[in-house]
């Protein structure tokens, strides 16, 4: 048991792989399968946001815009330019990454909340462009008839078949993401997050690190957007708003910033909470706010932080009991002598 816990602690992605392999055999309802696909897609988006916010300490409140740009880019590339999904997917990530670089390069040279302010502006500009550029985006009516991907001539046009497309992509991205945040670059992000001035004195190019984290987060948002576009076959410009950006950030906070599986846990929590309270759509932000306050008060490091803390306390308790038992045996042996 101890070896198994140690294995899962060193390689938390094993939890994710095991869960992903089991899901198709457990979830048989079409609606819930669609929900699972949505959770996986948002896990990609929030993994990027966790790199930016959880590891590098930079806050973006406009990531719904990059999610939308990736979705619309993929739709335009496949419908209007006739490219295949397999080309549109990486190109969508590349387009959002380039846009992220253009925005992040001047913004992240400065410290403070400039990125948060700029990201709100980008979100609003994106929403207006998507609504008003009717010829390209479909305007307020949305973008329709986005084709389903095909794999060797097989159309992935239902939620179960689409799941088998998303699953390996999620596993690959989380494998790369895990190794990335554990690398020297990941440690540099943490240094920038904890003490930016000291990190600069250590020789870390702090502005470059922040731009790099922002670009990677936008690339992952673009890839997630592309997958979402071809899952639903329809895009609405009203989906990618400020409320959604806040909810994505809350997913990272609730799951546990700076924890590898924090995004997955946060997405699961808020997605299913949204399902539970979907009849209270007008009060969604209030409900999210109350949930976030509860998490911050009782679990300041998020759910993953609370679980890890619980494991450590349990380990300490077991060790203390073992030491006490050993001490009792030793005392009894001395008395016999």
Protein backbone atom coordinates (compact mmCIF):
# COMPACT_ATOMS: atom_id res chain seq x y z
CA UNK A 1 0.00 0.00 0.00
CA UNK A 2 2.83 2.37 0.93
CA UNK A 3 4.64 1.64 -2.34
CA UNK A 4 1.44 2.26 -4.31
CA UNK A 5 0.87 5.63 -2.60
CA UNK A 6 4.49 6.56 -3.26
CA UNK A 7 4.07 5.65 -6.94
CA UNK A 8 0.93 7.77 -7.29
CA UNK A 9 2.64 10.67 -5.49
CA UNK A 10 5.64 10.59 -7.84
CA UNK A 11 3.50 10.02 -10.94
CA UNK A 12 0.07 11.63 -10.30
CA UNK A 13 -0.78 11.22 -13.98
CA UNK A 14 -1.34 7.50 -13.28
CA UNK A 15 -4.55 8.48 -11.47
CA UNK A 16 -5.70 10.28 -14.60
CA UNK A 17 -4.82 7.44 -16.99
CA UNK A 18 -6.59 4.82 -14.84
CA UNK A 19 -9.68 7.04 -14.57
CA UNK A 20 -9.76 7.72 -18.32
CA UNK A 21 -9.54 4.03 -19.21
CA UNK A 22 -12.39 3.13 -16.86
CA UNK A 23 -14.83 5.94 -17.82
CA UNK A 24 -16.20 4.53 -21.15
CA UNK A 25 -17.19 1.29 -19.42
CA UNK A 26 -18.95 3.08 -16.57
CA UNK A 27 -20.62 6.06 -18.26
CA UNK A 28 -23.29 4.80 -20.67
CA UNK A 29 -25.63 7.81 -20.72
CA UNK A 30 -25.07 10.00 -23.83
CA UNK A 31 -25.56 13.26 -21.95
CA UNK A 32 -23.05 12.35 -19.26
CA UNK A 33 -20.59 11.17 -21.90
CA UNK A 34 -20.85 14.60 -23.50
CA UNK A 35 -20.22 16.12 -20.08
CA UNK A 36 -17.12 13.93 -19.65
CA UNK A 37 -15.78 15.15 -23.01
CA UNK A 38 -16.36 18.75 -21.90
CA UNK A 39 -14.50 18.08 -18.64
CA UNK A 40 -11.51 16.66 -20.55
CA UNK A 41 -11.42 19.65 -22.90
CA UNK A 42 -11.58 22.11 -20.00
CA UNK A 43 -8.82 20.13 -18.24
CA UNK A 44 -6.53 21.06 -21.14
CA UNK A 45 -7.50 24.73 -20.88
CA UNK A 46 -7.04 24.87 -17.11
CA UNK A 47 -3.71 23.00 -17.26
CA UNK A 48 -2.37 25.96 -19.23
CA UNK A 49 -3.97 28.39 -16.81
CA UNK A 50 -2.36 26.50 -13.91
CA UNK A 51 1.08 26.95 -15.51
CA UNK A 52 0.42 30.69 -15.78
CA UNK A 53 -1.32 31.29 -12.44
CA UNK A 54 -0.46 28.35 -10.19
CA UNK A 55 3.23 28.08 -11.07
CA UNK A 56 4.20 31.49 -12.48
CA UNK A 57 1.84 33.60 -10.37
CA UNK A 58 0.35 35.66 -13.23
CA UNK A 59 -3.41 36.18 -13.33
CA UNK A 60 -5.44 36.18 -16.53
CA UNK A 61 -9.16 36.94 -16.42
CA UNK A 62 -9.66 36.63 -20.16
CA UNK A 63 -8.81 33.06 -21.04
CA UNK A 64 -12.31 32.44 -22.37
CA UNK A 65 -11.28 34.74 -25.24
CA UNK A 66 -8.35 32.50 -26.22
CA UNK A 67 -10.59 29.46 -25.86
CA UNK A 68 -13.02 31.13 -28.26
CA UNK A 69 -10.29 32.21 -30.69
CA UNK A 70 -9.02 28.64 -30.88
CA UNK A 71 -12.57 27.36 -31.46
CA UNK A 72 -13.39 29.89 -34.19
CA UNK A 73 -9.96 29.47 -35.81
CA UNK A 74 -10.54 25.72 -36.13
CA UNK A 75 -14.06 26.25 -37.47
CA UNK A 76 -12.88 28.78 -40.09
CA UNK A 77 -9.94 26.59 -41.15
CA UNK A 78 -12.13 23.52 -41.67
CA UNK A 79 -15.35 25.08 -43.03
CA UNK A 80 -14.14 28.09 -45.01
CA UNK A 81 -10.63 26.96 -46.01
CA UNK A 82 -11.36 23.24 -46.33
CA UNK A 83 -8.51 22.01 -44.11
CA UNK A 84 -8.80 18.75 -42.20
CA UNK A 85 -9.34 18.70 -38.46
CA UNK A 86 -5.88 17.20 -37.96
CA UNK A 87 -4.30 20.33 -39.46
CA UNK A 88 -6.77 22.74 -37.88
CA UNK A 89 -6.11 21.42 -34.34
CA UNK A 90 -2.39 22.37 -34.11
CA UNK A 91 -2.90 25.51 -36.21
CA UNK A 92 -5.54 26.74 -33.75
CA UNK A 93 -3.05 26.35 -30.92
CA UNK A 94 -0.39 28.13 -32.98
CA UNK A 95 -2.70 31.06 -33.82
CA UNK A 96 -3.70 31.61 -30.18
CA UNK A 97 -0.07 31.21 -29.10
CA UNK A 98 1.06 33.93 -31.54
CA UNK A 99 -1.70 36.21 -30.32
CA UNK A 100 -0.69 35.45 -26.73
CA UNK A 101 2.89 36.42 -27.54
CA UNK A 102 1.80 39.71 -29.14
CA UNK A 103 -0.27 40.56 -26.05
CA UNK A 104 2.09 39.16 -23.42
CA UNK A 105 5.36 40.63 -24.71
CA UNK A 106 4.57 44.27 -23.84
CA UNK A 107 2.19 43.54 -20.96
CA UNK A 108 4.36 41.18 -18.91
CA UNK A 109 7.43 43.42 -18.91
CA UNK A 110 5.69 45.25 -16.08
CA UNK A 111 4.95 43.76 -12.68
CA UNK A 112 1.60 43.89 -10.94
CA UNK A 113 -1.89 43.28 -12.26
CA UNK A 114 -1.36 44.60 -15.80
CA UNK A 115 -1.97 41.18 -17.37
CA UNK A 116 -5.26 40.78 -15.50
CA UNK A 117 -6.43 44.21 -16.73
CA UNK A 118 -5.22 43.60 -20.30
CA UNK A 119 -6.83 40.14 -20.42
CA UNK A 120 -10.23 41.62 -19.48
CA UNK A 121 -9.87 44.07 -22.37
CA UNK A 122 -8.87 41.31 -24.80
CA UNK A 123 -11.88 39.28 -23.71
CA UNK A 124 -14.27 42.13 -24.45
CA UNK A 125 -12.62 42.95 -27.81
CA UNK A 126 -12.80 39.28 -28.83
CA UNK A 127 -16.49 39.07 -27.93
CA UNK A 128 -17.30 42.18 -30.00
CA UNK A 129 -15.30 40.93 -33.00
CA UNK A 130 -17.02 37.53 -32.91
CA UNK A 131 -20.44 39.19 -32.80
CA UNK A 132 -19.85 41.87 -35.45
CA UNK A 133 -17.61 40.20 -38.05
CA UNK A 134 -20.59 38.39 -39.54
CA UNK A 135 -18.96 37.32 -42.83
CA UNK A 136 -16.21 35.39 -41.06
CA UNK A 137 -17.69 34.29 -37.73
CA UNK A 138 -21.43 34.08 -38.42
CA UNK A 139 -22.04 37.01 -36.08
CA UNK A 140 -24.62 36.85 -33.32
CA UNK A 141 -26.20 33.73 -34.85
CA UNK A 142 -22.99 31.80 -34.29
CA UNK A 143 -20.87 29.50 -36.44
CA UNK A 144 -22.83 26.47 -37.68
CA UNK A 145 -22.17 23.14 -39.38
CA UNK A 146 -18.66 22.55 -38.05
CA UNK A 147 -17.66 19.06 -39.26
CA UNK A 148 -16.83 16.14 -37.00
CA UNK A 149 -13.27 14.77 -37.31
CA UNK A 150 -12.60 11.56 -39.23
CA UNK A 151 -9.98 8.95 -38.43
CA UNK A 152 -9.01 6.68 -41.34
CA UNK A 153 -12.42 7.30 -42.88
CA UNK A 154 -14.33 6.72 -39.63
CA UNK A 155 -16.45 9.71 -38.58
CA UNK A 156 -16.04 10.56 -34.89
CA UNK A 157 -19.54 12.01 -34.78
CA UNK A 158 -20.85 10.78 -31.43
CA UNK A 159 -19.72 11.38 -27.87
CA UNK A 160 -18.24 7.92 -27.31
CA UNK A 161 -16.13 7.93 -30.48
CA UNK A 162 -15.08 11.53 -29.80
CA UNK A 163 -13.99 10.46 -26.32
CA UNK A 164 -11.45 8.07 -27.86
CA UNK A 165 -10.09 11.05 -29.80
CA UNK A 166 -9.83 13.35 -26.79
CA UNK A 167 -8.48 10.79 -24.31
CA UNK A 168 -5.03 10.20 -25.87
CA UNK A 169 -4.66 13.94 -26.52
CA UNK A 170 -5.34 14.68 -22.83
CA UNK A 171 -2.91 11.95 -21.70
CA UNK A 172 -0.19 13.28 -24.03
CA UNK A 173 -0.72 16.89 -22.94
CA UNK A 174 -0.73 15.99 -19.24
CA UNK A 175 2.42 13.88 -19.67
CA UNK A 176 4.19 16.85 -21.29
CA UNK A 177 2.69 19.29 -18.78
CA UNK A 178 3.84 17.18 -15.80
CA UNK A 179 7.40 16.92 -17.07
CA UNK A 180 7.42 20.60 -17.99
CA UNK A 181 6.42 21.94 -14.56
CA UNK A 182 8.92 19.58 -12.90
CA UNK A 183 11.77 20.76 -15.13
CA UNK A 184 14.17 23.66 -14.53
CA UNK A 185 11.68 25.94 -16.29
CA UNK A 186 8.98 24.91 -13.80
CA UNK A 187 11.33 25.70 -10.91
CA UNK A 188 12.06 29.07 -12.51
CA UNK A 189 8.31 29.75 -12.67
CA UNK A 190 8.01 29.02 -8.94
CA UNK A 191 10.91 31.37 -8.21
CA UNK A 192 9.21 34.15 -10.19
CA UNK A 193 5.96 33.43 -8.37
CA UNK A 194 7.44 33.45 -4.87
CA UNK A 195 9.93 36.32 -5.19
CA UNK A 196 10.30 37.99 -8.57
CA UNK A 197 13.09 40.41 -7.54
CA UNK A 198 15.17 37.64 -5.95
CA UNK A 199 14.61 35.47 -9.05
CA UNK A 200 16.00 38.29 -11.18
CA UNK A 201 19.13 38.49 -9.00
CA UNK A 202 19.54 34.72 -9.44
CA UNK A 203 19.88 35.26 -13.20
CA UNK A 204 16.33 34.32 -14.21
CA UNK A 205 14.88 36.47 -16.98
CA UNK A 206 11.58 37.06 -15.20
CA UNK A 207 9.77 38.86 -18.03
CA UNK A 208 10.77 36.10 -20.47
CA UNK A 209 9.51 33.43 -18.06
CA UNK A 210 6.17 35.21 -17.67
CA UNK A 211 5.72 35.62 -21.43
CA UNK A 212 6.62 31.95 -21.97
CA UNK A 213 4.06 30.80 -19.39
CA UNK A 214 1.40 33.04 -20.93
CA UNK A 215 2.07 31.81 -24.47
CA UNK A 216 1.91 28.14 -23.40
CA UNK A 217 -1.36 28.78 -21.57
CA UNK A 218 -2.86 30.40 -24.70
CA UNK A 219 -1.66 27.53 -26.93
CA UNK A 220 -3.43 25.01 -24.68
CA UNK A 221 -6.54 27.22 -24.62
CA UNK A 222 -6.53 27.24 -28.44
CA UNK A 223 -6.20 23.45 -28.65
CA UNK A 224 -9.03 23.05 -26.14
CA UNK A 225 -11.15 25.49 -28.17
CA UNK A 226 -10.56 23.50 -31.36
CA UNK A 227 -11.63 20.25 -29.68
CA UNK A 228 -14.72 21.96 -28.29
CA UNK A 229 -15.72 23.36 -31.70
CA UNK A 230 -15.68 19.95 -33.38
CA UNK A 231 -17.38 18.27 -30.43
CA UNK A 232 -20.43 20.56 -30.52
CA UNK A 233 -20.51 21.47 -34.23
CA UNK A 234 -21.72 24.96 -33.34
CA UNK A 235 -20.19 28.05 -31.71
CA UNK A 236 -21.91 31.00 -30.06
CA UNK A 237 -19.97 34.25 -29.47
CA UNK A 238 -21.85 34.75 -26.21
CA UNK A 239 -20.22 31.66 -24.69
CA UNK A 240 -16.78 33.23 -24.42
CA UNK A 241 -17.47 35.96 -21.89
CA UNK A 242 -16.06 37.39 -18.67
CA UNK A 243 -18.14 35.03 -16.52
CA UNK A 244 -16.57 32.01 -18.22
CA UNK A 245 -13.06 33.43 -17.76
CA UNK A 246 -13.72 33.85 -14.04
CA UNK A 247 -15.09 30.30 -13.79
CA UNK A 248 -11.94 28.86 -15.45
CA UNK A 249 -9.75 30.73 -12.97
CA UNK A 250 -11.92 29.47 -10.12
CA UNK A 251 -11.45 25.89 -11.35
CA UNK A 252 -7.69 26.28 -10.91
CA UNK A 253 -8.09 27.93 -7.49
CA UNK A 254 -10.56 25.32 -6.21
CA UNK A 255 -8.57 22.35 -7.51
CA UNK A 256 -5.29 23.63 -6.11
CA UNK A 257 -2.91 26.09 -7.73
CA UNK A 258 0.52 24.66 -8.38
CA UNK A 259 -0.67 21.04 -8.12
CA UNK A 260 -0.43 18.91 -11.26
CA UNK A 261 -3.92 17.44 -10.96
CA UNK A 262 -5.41 20.63 -9.53
CA UNK A 263 -6.99 21.65 -12.86
CA UNK A 264 -8.71 18.26 -13.31
CA UNK A 265 -10.13 18.31 -9.78
CA UNK A 266 -11.29 21.92 -10.14
CA UNK A 267 -12.96 21.26 -13.50
CA UNK A 268 -14.77 18.22 -12.10
CA UNK A 269 -15.98 20.15 -9.05
CA UNK A 270 -17.27 23.22 -10.87
CA UNK A 271 -18.66 21.39 -13.91
CA UNK A 272 -20.80 19.09 -11.82
CA UNK A 273 -21.71 21.95 -9.48
CA UNK A 274 -22.91 23.83 -12.56
CA UNK A 275 -25.03 20.82 -13.50
CA UNK A 276 -26.53 20.70 -10.02
CA UNK A 277 -27.38 24.42 -10.06
CA UNK A 278 -28.14 24.84 -13.78
CA UNK A 279 -31.66 26.06 -13.00
CA UNK A 280 -30.13 29.04 -11.15
CA UNK A 281 -28.22 30.39 -14.15
CA UNK A 282 -28.74 34.04 -13.14
CA UNK A 283 -27.07 33.38 -9.79
CA UNK A 284 -24.22 31.25 -11.14
CA UNK A 285 -21.45 33.71 -10.22
CA UNK A 286 -22.89 34.12 -6.72
CA UNK A 287 -22.94 30.34 -6.21
CA UNK A 288 -19.39 30.05 -7.58
CA UNK A 289 -18.31 32.86 -5.28
CA UNK A 290 -19.79 31.15 -2.21
CA UNK A 291 -18.09 27.87 -3.19
CA UNK A 292 -14.77 29.66 -3.67
CA UNK A 293 -15.03 31.38 -0.27
CA UNK A 294 -15.73 28.01 1.38
CA UNK A 295 -12.73 26.44 -0.38
CA UNK A 296 -10.42 29.35 0.54
CA UNK A 297 -11.50 29.31 4.20
CA UNK A 298 -11.40 25.56 4.78
CA UNK A 299 -8.94 24.51 2.04
CA UNK A 300 -6.67 27.51 1.27
CA UNK A 301 -4.41 25.37 -0.93
CA UNK A 302 -7.37 23.95 -2.84
CA UNK A 303 -8.75 20.42 -2.78
CA UNK A 304 -5.45 18.84 -3.89
CA UNK A 305 -3.61 20.75 -1.17
CA UNK A 306 -6.11 19.56 1.44
CA UNK A 307 -5.81 15.94 0.27
CA UNK A 308 -2.00 16.07 0.28
CA UNK A 309 -2.07 17.64 3.74
CA UNK A 310 -4.40 14.89 4.93
CA UNK A 311 -2.06 12.19 3.57
CA UNK A 312 0.90 13.81 5.36
CA UNK A 313 -0.99 14.02 8.65
CA UNK A 314 -2.07 10.38 8.30
CA UNK A 315 1.51 9.38 7.53
CA UNK A 316 2.77 11.30 10.59
CA UNK A 317 0.07 9.72 12.78
CA UNK A 318 0.95 6.19 11.59
CA UNK A 319 4.66 6.87 12.13
CA UNK A 320 4.00 8.21 15.64
CA UNK A 321 1.94 5.11 16.51
CA UNK A 322 4.65 2.85 15.12
CA UNK A 323 7.35 4.66 17.12
CA UNK A 324 5.20 4.52 20.26
CA UNK A 325 4.65 0.79 19.80
CA UNK A 326 8.36 0.20 19.24
CA UNK A 327 9.17 2.25 22.34
CA UNK A 328 6.69 0.15 24.37
CA UNK A 329 8.28 -3.11 23.18
CA UNK A 330 11.74 -1.76 24.05
CA UNK A 331 10.60 -0.68 27.52
CA UNK A 332 9.01 -4.09 28.18
CA UNK A 333 12.22 -5.83 27.08
CA UNK A 334 14.28 -3.70 29.48
CA UNK A 335 11.94 -4.54 32.37
CA UNK A 336 12.30 -8.27 31.68
CA UNK A 337 16.07 -7.91 31.94
